[in-house]
PDB file of N, CA and C in Angstrom:
ATOM      1  N   MET A   1     -17.082  14.483 -53.632  1.00  0.00           N
ATOM      2  CA  MET A   1     -17.022  15.613 -54.327  1.00  0.00           C
ATOM      3  C   MET A   1     -16.852  16.466 -53.272  1.00  0.00           C
ATOM      4  N   GLN A   2     -15.921  17.846 -53.428  1.00  0.00           N
ATOM      5  CA  GLN A   2     -15.116  18.775 -52.617  1.00  0.00           C
ATOM      6  C   GLN A   2     -16.356  19.929 -52.784  1.00  0.00           C
ATOM      7  N   LEU A   3     -16.545  20.174 -51.424  1.00  0.00           N
ATOM      8  CA  LEU A   3     -17.340  21.497 -50.986  1.00  0.00           C
ATOM      9  C   LEU A   3     -16.745  22.522 -51.051  1.00  0.00           C
ATOM     10  N   ILE A   4     -17.074  23.604 -51.893  1.00  0.00           N
ATOM     11  CA  ILE A   4     -16.479  24.913 -51.862  1.00  0.00           C
ATOM     12  C   ILE A   4     -17.148  25.961 -51.202  1.00  0.00           C
ATOM     13  N   HIS A   5     -16.274  26.655 -50.355  1.00  0.00           N
ATOM     14  CA  HIS A   5     -16.866  27.358 -49.355  1.00  0.00           C
ATOM     15  C   HIS A   5     -16.786  28.926 -50.210  1.00  0.00           C
ATOM     16  N   GLU A   6     -17.849  29.716 -50.249  1.00  0.00           N
ATOM     17  CA  GLU A   6     -17.908  31.355 -50.675  1.00  0.00           C
ATOM     18  C   GLU A   6     -18.225  31.801 -49.591  1.00  0.00           C
ATOM     19  N   GLU A   7     -18.567  33.031 -49.415  1.00  0.00           N
ATOM     20  CA  GLU A   7     -19.421  34.106 -48.415  1.00  0.00           C
ATOM     21  C   GLU A   7     -20.741  33.728 -48.765  1.00  0.00           C
ATOM     22  N   ASN A   8     -21.427  33.117 -47.625  1.00  0.00           N
ATOM     23  CA  ASN A   8     -22.947  32.852 -47.315  1.00  0.00           C
ATOM     24  C   ASN A   8     -23.133  31.843 -48.406  1.00  0.00           C
ATOM     25  N   ARG A   9     -21.917  30.842 -48.706  1.00  0.00           N
ATOM     26  CA  ARG A   9     -22.514  29.878 -49.728  1.00  0.00           C
ATOM     27  C   ARG A   9     -21.800  28.899 -49.834  1.00  0.00           C
ATOM     28  N   ILE A  10     -21.940  27.750 -49.618  1.00  0.00           N
ATOM     29  CA  ILE A  10     -21.320  26.314 -49.608  1.00  0.00           C
ATOM     30  C   ILE A  10     -22.149  25.676 -50.997  1.00  0.00           C
ATOM     31  N   TYR A  11     -20.771  25.140 -51.866  1.00  0.00           N
ATOM     32  CA  TYR A  11     -21.480  24.240 -52.817  1.00  0.00           C
ATOM     33  C   TYR A  11     -20.518  23.093 -53.285  1.00  0.00           C
ATOM     34  N   GLY A  12     -21.102  22.374 -54.383  1.00  0.00           N
ATOM     35  CA  GLY A  12     -20.334  21.492 -54.989  1.00  0.00           C
ATOM     36  C   GLY A  12     -20.604  21.188 -56.050  1.00  0.00           C
ATOM     37  N   ASN A  13     -19.562  20.926 -57.147  1.00  0.00           N
ATOM     38  CA  ASN A  13     -19.846  20.622 -58.577  1.00  0.00           C
ATOM     39  C   ASN A  13     -19.288  19.080 -58.813  1.00  0.00           C
ATOM     40  N   ASN A  14     -20.129  18.953 -59.739  1.00  0.00           N
ATOM     41  CA  ASN A  14     -19.726  17.324 -60.303  1.00  0.00           C
ATOM     42  C   ASN A  14     -18.238  17.218 -61.311  1.00  0.00           C
ATOM     43  N   ALA A  15     -17.759  16.225 -61.716  1.00  0.00           N
ATOM     44  CA  ALA A  15     -16.435  16.367 -62.704  1.00  0.00           C
ATOM     45  C   ALA A  15     -16.856  17.142 -63.966  1.00  0.00           C
ATOM     46  N   ASP A  16     -18.042  17.315 -64.248  1.00  0.00           N
ATOM     47  CA  ASP A  16     -18.327  17.889 -65.699  1.00  0.00           C
ATOM     48  C   ASP A  16     -18.398  19.729 -65.214  1.00  0.00           C
ATOM     49  N   GLY A  17     -18.297  19.984 -63.626  1.00  0.00           N
ATOM     50  CA  GLY A  17     -18.357  21.406 -63.565  1.00  0.00           C
ATOM     51  C   GLY A  17     -19.692  21.605 -63.294  1.00  0.00           C
ATOM     52  N   LYS A  18     -20.891  20.791 -63.476  1.00  0.00           N
ATOM     53  CA  LYS A  18     -22.133  21.236 -63.020  1.00  0.00           C
ATOM     54  C   LYS A  18     -22.589  21.253 -61.604  1.00  0.00           C
ATOM     55  N   LEU A  19     -23.281  22.263 -61.444  1.00  0.00           N
ATOM     56  CA  LEU A  19     -23.796  22.300 -59.807  1.00  0.00           C
ATOM     57  C   LEU A  19     -24.572  21.009 -59.470  1.00  0.00           C
ATOM     58  N   VAL A  20     -24.135  20.563 -58.121  1.00  0.00           N
ATOM     59  CA  VAL A  20     -24.712  19.483 -57.636  1.00  0.00           C
ATOM     60  C   VAL A  20     -24.931  19.467 -56.236  1.00  0.00           C
ATOM     61  N   ALA A  21     -24.858  20.209 -55.575  1.00  0.00           N
ATOM     62  CA  ALA A  21     -24.910  20.601 -54.298  1.00  0.00           C
ATOM     63  C   ALA A  21     -25.015  21.921 -53.657  1.00  0.00           C
ATOM     64  N   GLU A  22     -25.632  22.263 -52.868  1.00  0.00           N
ATOM     65  CA  GLU A  22     -25.655  23.980 -52.650  1.00  0.00           C
ATOM     66  C   GLU A  22     -26.366  24.241 -51.476  1.00  0.00           C
ATOM     67  N   ILE A  23     -25.951  25.166 -50.484  1.00  0.00           N
ATOM     68  CA  ILE A  23     -26.568  25.813 -49.405  1.00  0.00           C
ATOM     69  C   ILE A  23     -26.195  27.191 -49.610  1.00  0.00           C
ATOM     70  N   THR A  24     -27.335  28.056 -49.236  1.00  0.00           N
ATOM     71  CA  THR A  24     -27.168  29.454 -49.379  1.00  0.00           C
ATOM     72  C   THR A  24     -27.539  29.993 -47.832  1.00  0.00           C
ATOM     73  N   PHE A  25     -27.055  30.832 -47.445  1.00  0.00           N
ATOM     74  CA  PHE A  25     -27.256  31.570 -46.069  1.00  0.00           C
ATOM     75  C   PHE A  25     -27.121  33.227 -45.806  1.00  0.00           C
ATOM     76  N   PRO A  26     -27.698  33.818 -46.845  1.00  0.00           N
ATOM     77  CA  PRO A  26     -27.412  35.367 -46.889  1.00  0.00           C
ATOM     78  C   PRO A  26     -27.384  35.952 -45.315  1.00  0.00           C
ATOM     79  N   GLU A  27     -26.578  37.037 -45.362  1.00  0.00           N
ATOM     80  CA  GLU A  27     -26.616  37.768 -44.134  1.00  0.00           C
ATOM     81  C   GLU A  27     -27.896  38.876 -44.269  1.00  0.00           C
ATOM     82  N   ILE A  28     -28.581  38.715 -43.045  1.00  0.00           N
ATOM     83  CA  ILE A  28     -29.863  39.684 -43.373  1.00  0.00           C
ATOM     84  C   ILE A  28     -29.703  41.090 -42.074  1.00  0.00           C
ATOM     85  N   SER A  29     -28.831  40.614 -41.326  1.00  0.00           N
ATOM     86  CA  SER A  29     -28.287  41.899 -40.540  1.00  0.00           C
ATOM     87  C   SER A  29     -26.998  41.472 -39.860  1.00  0.00           C
ATOM     88  N   ASP A  30     -26.371  42.623 -39.167  1.00  0.00           N
ATOM     89  CA  ASP A  30     -24.987  42.217 -38.866  1.00  0.00           C
ATOM     90  C   ASP A  30     -24.917  40.936 -37.718  1.00  0.00           C
ATOM     91  N   GLY A  31     -24.272  39.839 -38.295  1.00  0.00           N
ATOM     92  CA  GLY A  31     -24.105  38.593 -37.720  1.00  0.00           C
ATOM     93  C   GLY A  31     -25.466  37.925 -37.440  1.00  0.00           C
ATOM     94  N   ILE A  32     -26.415  38.059 -38.320  1.00  0.00           N
ATOM     95  CA  ILE A  32     -27.570  37.205 -38.639  1.00  0.00           C
ATOM     96  C   ILE A  32     -27.745  36.877 -40.147  1.00  0.00           C
ATOM     97  N   VAL A  33     -27.842  35.248 -40.190  1.00  0.00           N
ATOM     98  CA  VAL A  33     -27.937  34.907 -41.689  1.00  0.00           C
ATOM     99  C   VAL A  33     -29.274  34.087 -41.613  1.00  0.00           C
ATOM    100  N   VAL A  34     -30.040  33.978 -43.030  1.00  0.00           N
ATOM    101  CA  VAL A  34     -31.215  33.348 -42.985  1.00  0.00           C
ATOM    102  C   VAL A  34     -30.423  31.999 -44.012  1.00  0.00           C
ATOM    103  N   ILE A  35     -30.435  30.855 -43.324  1.00  0.00           N
ATOM    104  CA  ILE A  35     -30.585  29.645 -44.458  1.00  0.00           C
ATOM    105  C   ILE A  35     -31.652  29.187 -45.081  1.00  0.00           C
ATOM    106  N   ASP A  36     -31.626  29.975 -46.193  1.00  0.00           N
ATOM    107  CA  ASP A  36     -32.850  29.934 -46.966  1.00  0.00           C
ATOM    108  C   ASP A  36     -33.257  28.721 -48.279  1.00  0.00           C
ATOM    109  N   HIS A  37     -31.841  27.882 -48.210  1.00  0.00           N
ATOM    110  CA  HIS A  37     -32.173  27.193 -49.548  1.00  0.00           C
ATOM    111  C   HIS A  37     -31.063  25.851 -49.485  1.00  0.00           C
ATOM    112  N   THR A  38     -31.217  24.871 -49.878  1.00  0.00           N
ATOM    113  CA  THR A  38     -30.320  23.627 -50.043  1.00  0.00           C
ATOM    114  C   THR A  38     -31.021  23.014 -51.128  1.00  0.00           C
ATOM    115  N   PHE A  39     -30.002  22.669 -51.839  1.00  0.00           N
ATOM    116  CA  PHE A  39     -30.173  21.671 -53.173  1.00  0.00           C
ATOM    117  C   PHE A  39     -29.165  20.856 -53.086  1.00  0.00           C
ATOM    118  N   VAL A  40     -29.708  19.794 -53.645  1.00  0.00           N
ATOM    119  CA  VAL A  40     -29.035  18.427 -53.800  1.00  0.00           C
ATOM    120  C   VAL A  40     -29.565  17.959 -55.221  1.00  0.00           C
ATOM    121  N   ASP A  41     -28.630  17.383 -56.128  1.00  0.00           N
ATOM    122  CA  ASP A  41     -29.004  16.978 -57.759  1.00  0.00           C
ATOM    123  C   ASP A  41     -29.559  15.796 -57.205  1.00  0.00           C
ATOM    124  N   ASN A  42     -30.415  14.876 -58.189  1.00  0.00           N
ATOM    125  CA  ASN A  42     -30.924  13.715 -57.957  1.00  0.00           C
ATOM    126  C   ASN A  42     -29.840  12.687 -57.932  1.00  0.00           C
ATOM    127  N   SER A  43     -28.658  12.684 -58.404  1.00  0.00           N
ATOM    128  CA  SER A  43     -27.604  11.747 -58.490  1.00  0.00           C
ATOM    129  C   SER A  43     -26.906  11.754 -57.356  1.00  0.00           C
ATOM    130  N   LEU A  44     -27.184  12.574 -56.543  1.00  0.00           N
ATOM    131  CA  LEU A  44     -26.709  12.687 -55.101  1.00  0.00           C
ATOM    132  C   LEU A  44     -27.677  12.055 -53.916  1.00  0.00           C
ATOM    133  N   ARG A  45     -28.876  12.070 -54.137  1.00  0.00           N
ATOM    134  CA  ARG A  45     -29.811  11.975 -53.224  1.00  0.00           C
ATOM    135  C   ARG A  45     -29.726  10.568 -52.515  1.00  0.00           C
ATOM    136  N   GLY A  46     -29.731  10.566 -51.026  1.00  0.00           N
ATOM    137  CA  GLY A  46     -29.875   9.666 -50.084  1.00  0.00           C
ATOM    138  C   GLY A  46     -28.375   9.123 -49.915  1.00  0.00           C
ATOM    139  N   GLN A  47     -27.425  10.214 -50.243  1.00  0.00           N
ATOM    140  CA  GLN A  47     -26.140  10.111 -49.911  1.00  0.00           C
ATOM    141  C   GLN A  47     -25.695  10.825 -48.655  1.00  0.00           C
ATOM    142  N   GLY A  48     -26.346  11.557 -48.025  1.00  0.00           N
ATOM    143  CA  GLY A  48     -26.141  12.265 -46.959  1.00  0.00           C
ATOM    144  C   GLY A  48     -25.533  13.816 -47.399  1.00  0.00           C
ATOM    145  N   VAL A  49     -25.500  14.105 -48.728  1.00  0.00           N
ATOM    146  CA  VAL A  49     -25.097  15.211 -48.967  1.00  0.00           C
ATOM    147  C   VAL A  49     -25.722  16.435 -48.276  1.00  0.00           C
ATOM    148  N   ALA A  50     -26.947  16.265 -48.337  1.00  0.00           N
ATOM    149  CA  ALA A  50     -27.684  17.443 -47.760  1.00  0.00           C
ATOM    150  C   ALA A  50     -27.284  18.189 -46.393  1.00  0.00           C
ATOM    151  N   GLY A  51     -27.186  16.733 -45.339  1.00  0.00           N
ATOM    152  CA  GLY A  51     -26.405  16.817 -44.184  1.00  0.00           C
ATOM    153  C   GLY A  51     -25.068  17.505 -43.969  1.00  0.00           C
ATOM    154  N   GLN A  52     -24.358  17.191 -44.992  1.00  0.00           N
ATOM    155  CA  GLN A  52     -23.129  17.527 -45.056  1.00  0.00           C
ATOM    156  C   GLN A  52     -23.026  19.062 -45.490  1.00  0.00           C
ATOM    157  N   LEU A  53     -23.898  19.425 -46.157  1.00  0.00           N
ATOM    158  CA  LEU A  53     -24.024  20.852 -46.413  1.00  0.00           C
ATOM    159  C   LEU A  53     -24.353  21.637 -45.115  1.00  0.00           C
ATOM    160  N   VAL A  54     -25.403  21.289 -44.483  1.00  0.00           N
ATOM    161  CA  VAL A  54     -26.252  22.020 -43.421  1.00  0.00           C
ATOM    162  C   VAL A  54     -25.021  22.149 -42.458  1.00  0.00           C
ATOM    163  N   GLN A  55     -24.416  21.175 -42.179  1.00  0.00           N
ATOM    164  CA  GLN A  55     -23.314  20.711 -40.944  1.00  0.00           C
ATOM    165  C   GLN A  55     -22.077  22.183 -41.058  1.00  0.00           C
ATOM    166  N   ALA A  56     -21.519  21.683 -42.752  1.00  0.00           N
ATOM    167  CA  ALA A  56     -20.494  22.762 -43.146  1.00  0.00           C
ATOM    168  C   ALA A  56     -21.041  24.355 -42.781  1.00  0.00           C
ATOM    169  N   ALA A  57     -22.112  24.711 -43.159  1.00  0.00           N
ATOM    170  CA  ALA A  57     -22.852  25.859 -42.799  1.00  0.00           C
ATOM    171  C   ALA A  57     -22.870  26.392 -41.385  1.00  0.00           C
ATOM    172  N   ALA A  58     -23.485  25.082 -40.640  1.00  0.00           N
ATOM    173  CA  ALA A  58     -23.229  25.598 -39.256  1.00  0.00           C
ATOM    174  C   ALA A  58     -21.952  25.768 -38.703  1.00  0.00           C
ATOM    175  N   GLU A  59     -21.013  24.984 -39.227  1.00  0.00           N
ATOM    176  CA  GLU A  59     -19.606  25.220 -38.666  1.00  0.00           C
ATOM    177  C   GLU A  59     -19.001  26.585 -39.219  1.00  0.00           C
ATOM    178  N   ASP A  60     -19.306  26.911 -40.224  1.00  0.00           N
ATOM    179  CA  ASP A  60     -19.063  28.211 -40.565  1.00  0.00           C
ATOM    180  C   ASP A  60     -19.563  29.370 -39.944  1.00  0.00           C
ATOM    181  N   LEU A  61     -20.655  29.312 -39.358  1.00  0.00           N
ATOM    182  CA  LEU A  61     -21.512  30.196 -38.740  1.00  0.00           C
ATOM    183  C   LEU A  61     -21.056  30.043 -37.217  1.00  0.00           C
ATOM    184  N   ARG A  62     -20.511  28.748 -36.640  1.00  0.00           N
ATOM    185  CA  ARG A  62     -19.886  29.110 -35.436  1.00  0.00           C
ATOM    186  C   ARG A  62     -18.520  29.739 -35.555  1.00  0.00           C
ATOM    187  N   SER A  63     -17.755  29.377 -36.424  1.00  0.00           N
ATOM    188  CA  SER A  63     -16.532  30.003 -36.385  1.00  0.00           C
ATOM    189  C   SER A  63     -16.510  31.306 -36.707  1.00  0.00           C
ATOM    190  N   SER A  64     -17.426  32.039 -37.345  1.00  0.00           N
ATOM    191  CA  SER A  64     -17.779  33.476 -37.377  1.00  0.00           C
ATOM    192  C   SER A  64     -18.490  34.052 -36.388  1.00  0.00           C
ATOM    193  N   LYS A  65     -18.877  33.294 -35.537  1.00  0.00           N
ATOM    194  CA  LYS A  65     -19.882  33.597 -34.296  1.00  0.00           C
ATOM    195  C   LYS A  65     -21.194  34.279 -34.890  1.00  0.00           C
ATOM    196  N   ARG A  66     -21.741  33.947 -35.797  1.00  0.00           N
ATOM    197  CA  ARG A  66     -22.982  34.224 -36.205  1.00  0.00           C
ATOM    198  C   ARG A  66     -24.225  33.564 -36.152  1.00  0.00           C
ATOM    199  N   LYS A  67     -25.344  33.803 -36.063  1.00  0.00           N
ATOM    200  CA  LYS A  67     -26.609  33.175 -35.710  1.00  0.00           C
ATOM    201  C   LYS A  67     -27.404  33.000 -37.027  1.00  0.00           C
ATOM    202  N   ALA A  68     -28.595  32.144 -37.050  1.00  0.00           N
ATOM    203  CA  ALA A  68     -28.979  31.880 -38.113  1.00  0.00           C
ATOM    204  C   ALA A  68     -30.602  31.774 -37.926  1.00  0.00           C
ATOM    205  N   ARG A  69     -31.354  32.065 -38.689  1.00  0.00           N
ATOM    206  CA  ARG A  69     -32.688  31.902 -38.816  1.00  0.00           C
ATOM    207  C   ARG A  69     -33.155  30.971 -40.139  1.00  0.00           C
ATOM    208  N   LEU A  70     -33.844  30.072 -39.801  1.00  0.00           N
ATOM    209  CA  LEU A  70     -33.994  28.757 -40.872  1.00  0.00           C
ATOM    210  C   LEU A  70     -35.314  29.360 -41.612  1.00  0.00           C
ATOM    211  N   THR A  71     -35.258  29.266 -42.950  1.00  0.00           N
ATOM    212  CA  THR A  71     -36.579  29.079 -43.776  1.00  0.00           C
ATOM    213  C   THR A  71     -36.341  27.855 -44.752  1.00  0.00           C
ATOM    214  N   CYS A  72     -35.672  27.213 -44.904  1.00  0.00           N
ATOM    215  CA  CYS A  72     -35.005  26.126 -45.445  1.00  0.00           C
ATOM    216  C   CYS A  72     -35.823  24.805 -44.639  1.00  0.00           C
ATOM    217  N   SER A  73     -36.915  24.115 -45.262  1.00  0.00           N
ATOM    218  CA  SER A  73     -37.265  23.215 -44.692  1.00  0.00           C
ATOM    219  C   SER A  73     -36.315  21.961 -44.166  1.00  0.00           C
ATOM    220  N   TYR A  74     -35.433  21.718 -44.975  1.00  0.00           N
ATOM    221  CA  TYR A  74     -34.578  20.698 -44.758  1.00  0.00           C
ATOM    222  C   TYR A  74     -33.839  21.103 -43.338  1.00  0.00           C
ATOM    223  N   ALA A  75     -33.274  22.583 -43.503  1.00  0.00           N
ATOM    224  CA  ALA A  75     -32.209  22.946 -42.425  1.00  0.00           C
ATOM    225  C   ALA A  75     -33.027  22.794 -41.159  1.00  0.00           C
ATOM    226  N   VAL A  76     -34.485  23.128 -41.066  1.00  0.00           N
ATOM    227  CA  VAL A  76     -35.154  22.777 -39.803  1.00  0.00           C
ATOM    228  C   VAL A  76     -35.520  21.465 -39.277  1.00  0.00           C
ATOM    229  N   ALA A  77     -35.255  20.935 -40.075  1.00  0.00           N
ATOM    230  CA  ALA A  77     -35.366  19.474 -39.770  1.00  0.00           C
ATOM    231  C   ALA A  77     -33.907  18.958 -39.392  1.00  0.00           C
ATOM    232  N   TRP A  78     -32.810  19.241 -40.117  1.00  0.00           N
ATOM    233  CA  TRP A  78     -31.713  18.984 -39.649  1.00  0.00           C
ATOM    234  C   TRP A  78     -31.150  19.674 -38.466  1.00  0.00           C
ATOM    235  N   PHE A  79     -31.669  20.722 -38.210  1.00  0.00           N
ATOM    236  CA  PHE A  79     -31.033  21.361 -36.812  1.00  0.00           C
ATOM    237  C   PHE A  79     -31.992  20.534 -35.575  1.00  0.00           C
ATOM    238  N   SER A  80     -33.022  20.297 -36.044  1.00  0.00           N
ATOM    239  CA  SER A  80     -33.933  19.633 -35.018  1.00  0.00           C
ATOM    240  C   SER A  80     -33.365  18.266 -34.707  1.00  0.00           C
ATOM    241  N   ARG A  81     -32.723  17.757 -35.490  1.00  0.00           N
ATOM    242  CA  ARG A  81     -31.972  16.368 -35.129  1.00  0.00           C
ATOM    243  C   ARG A  81     -30.745  16.550 -34.577  1.00  0.00           C
ATOM    244  N   HIS A  82     -30.053  17.514 -34.657  1.00  0.00           N
ATOM    245  CA  HIS A  82     -28.842  18.068 -33.917  1.00  0.00           C
ATOM    246  C   HIS A  82     -28.917  19.145 -33.133  1.00  0.00           C
ATOM    247  N   PRO A  83     -29.527  18.828 -31.941  1.00  0.00           N
ATOM    248  CA  PRO A  83     -29.347  20.170 -30.760  1.00  0.00           C
ATOM    249  C   PRO A  83     -28.036  20.479 -30.492  1.00  0.00           C
ATOM    250  N   GLU A  84     -26.973  19.876 -30.769  1.00  0.00           N
ATOM    251  CA  GLU A  84     -25.471  20.299 -30.401  1.00  0.00           C
ATOM    252  C   GLU A  84     -25.183  21.764 -31.229  1.00  0.00           C
ATOM    253  N   TYR A  85     -26.142  21.889 -32.372  1.00  0.00           N
ATOM    254  CA  TYR A  85     -25.942  23.166 -32.642  1.00  0.00           C
ATOM    255  C   TYR A  85     -27.149  24.444 -32.533  1.00  0.00           C
ATOM    256  N   ALA A  86     -27.706  24.079 -31.729  1.00  0.00           N
ATOM    257  CA  ALA A  86     -29.037  24.711 -31.193  1.00  0.00           C
ATOM    258  C   ALA A  86     -28.722  26.461 -30.944  1.00  0.00           C
ATOM    259  N   ASP A  87     -27.413  26.483 -30.150  1.00  0.00           N
ATOM    260  CA  ASP A  87     -27.075  27.565 -29.817  1.00  0.00           C
ATOM    261  C   ASP A  87     -26.523  28.936 -30.945  1.00  0.00           C
ATOM    262  N   LEU A  88     -26.400  28.019 -32.411  1.00  0.00           N
ATOM    263  CA  LEU A  88     -26.537  28.767 -33.556  1.00  0.00           C
ATOM    264  C   LEU A  88     -27.906  29.440 -34.162  1.00  0.00           C
ATOM    265  N   LEU A  89     -28.782  29.018 -33.529  1.00  0.00           N
ATOM    266  CA  LEU A  89     -30.283  29.720 -33.993  1.00  0.00           C
ATOM    267  C   LEU A  89     -30.784  30.797 -33.152  1.00  0.00           C
ATOM    268  N   LEU A  90     -31.170  31.823 -33.869  1.00  0.00           N
ATOM    269  CA  LEU A  90     -31.512  33.035 -33.494  1.00  0.00           C
ATOM    270  C   LEU A  90     -33.033  32.698 -32.733  1.00  0.00           C
ATOM    271  N   ALA A  91     -33.115  33.090 -31.640  1.00  0.00           N
ATOM    272  CA  ALA A  91     -34.553  32.888 -30.716  1.00  0.00           C
ATOM    273  C   ALA A  91     -35.297  33.476 -31.312  1.00  0.00           C
ATOM    274  N   GLU A  92     -36.581  32.648 -31.456  1.00  0.00           N
ATOM    275  CA  GLU A  92     -38.001  33.022 -32.049  1.00  0.00           C
ATOM    276  C   GLU A  92     -38.336  34.530 -31.137  1.00  0.00           C
ATOM    277  N   GLU A  93     -39.036  35.098 -31.956  1.00  0.00           N
ATOM    278  CA  GLU A  93     -39.848  36.323 -31.314  1.00  0.00           C
ATOM    279  C   GLU A  93     -41.264  36.128 -30.777  1.00  0.00           C
TER     280      GLU A  93
END
């Protein structure tokens, strides 16, 4: 599956054009996004697709020099397992 990058959204469709994977990270202020949603269709579960989505979003944030706040539980877990991306997280207040 090819991941499609849009502003503040990365997603993938299956061969029929159905949405089967998505991560959204809307901008909440200048240079700050909130990773608020990760979705993977049941047909792709257990194949590492959610991790690919979060990593793609992290790379997007890094290249655009933005920081993230996390409200998606999967993203929280992913970032805790990947400390090499900790610099992208907004410091807790």
